[in-house]
Amino acid sequence: MKYTEEQLRHVVFLSEVVLQGNKRGMMEETLLMLLYIVKSLKEAEFSEDVSEEIARLIEQVEERLREENGRLQEIQINLAMPNRRKPMV
């Protein structure tokens, strides 16, 4: 099935409404919709500005995931060794 430019514009519109309206309850569906579209592409061509913005966003996501992973590992280590926890003052 081929999506028309009009259909893709509607997907962009819906995504922007969800993002800008901070509609957290619809974020998962929106991400899934965009993920399906991206996964169906073999390649995509973007302007330099868009490419730079995508690269910046990728770096932010990767950094946040690394930070979150580090915090989870620290929590797991602390929970695995209850005698090493610092006493509350």
Foldseek 3Di string as FASTA:
>chain_A
DDDDPVRVVVLVVVLCCCVVVVVVVCVVVNVVVVVVVVVVDPDDDDDPVVVVVVVVVVVVVVVVVVVVVVVVVVVVVCVVCVVPDDDDD
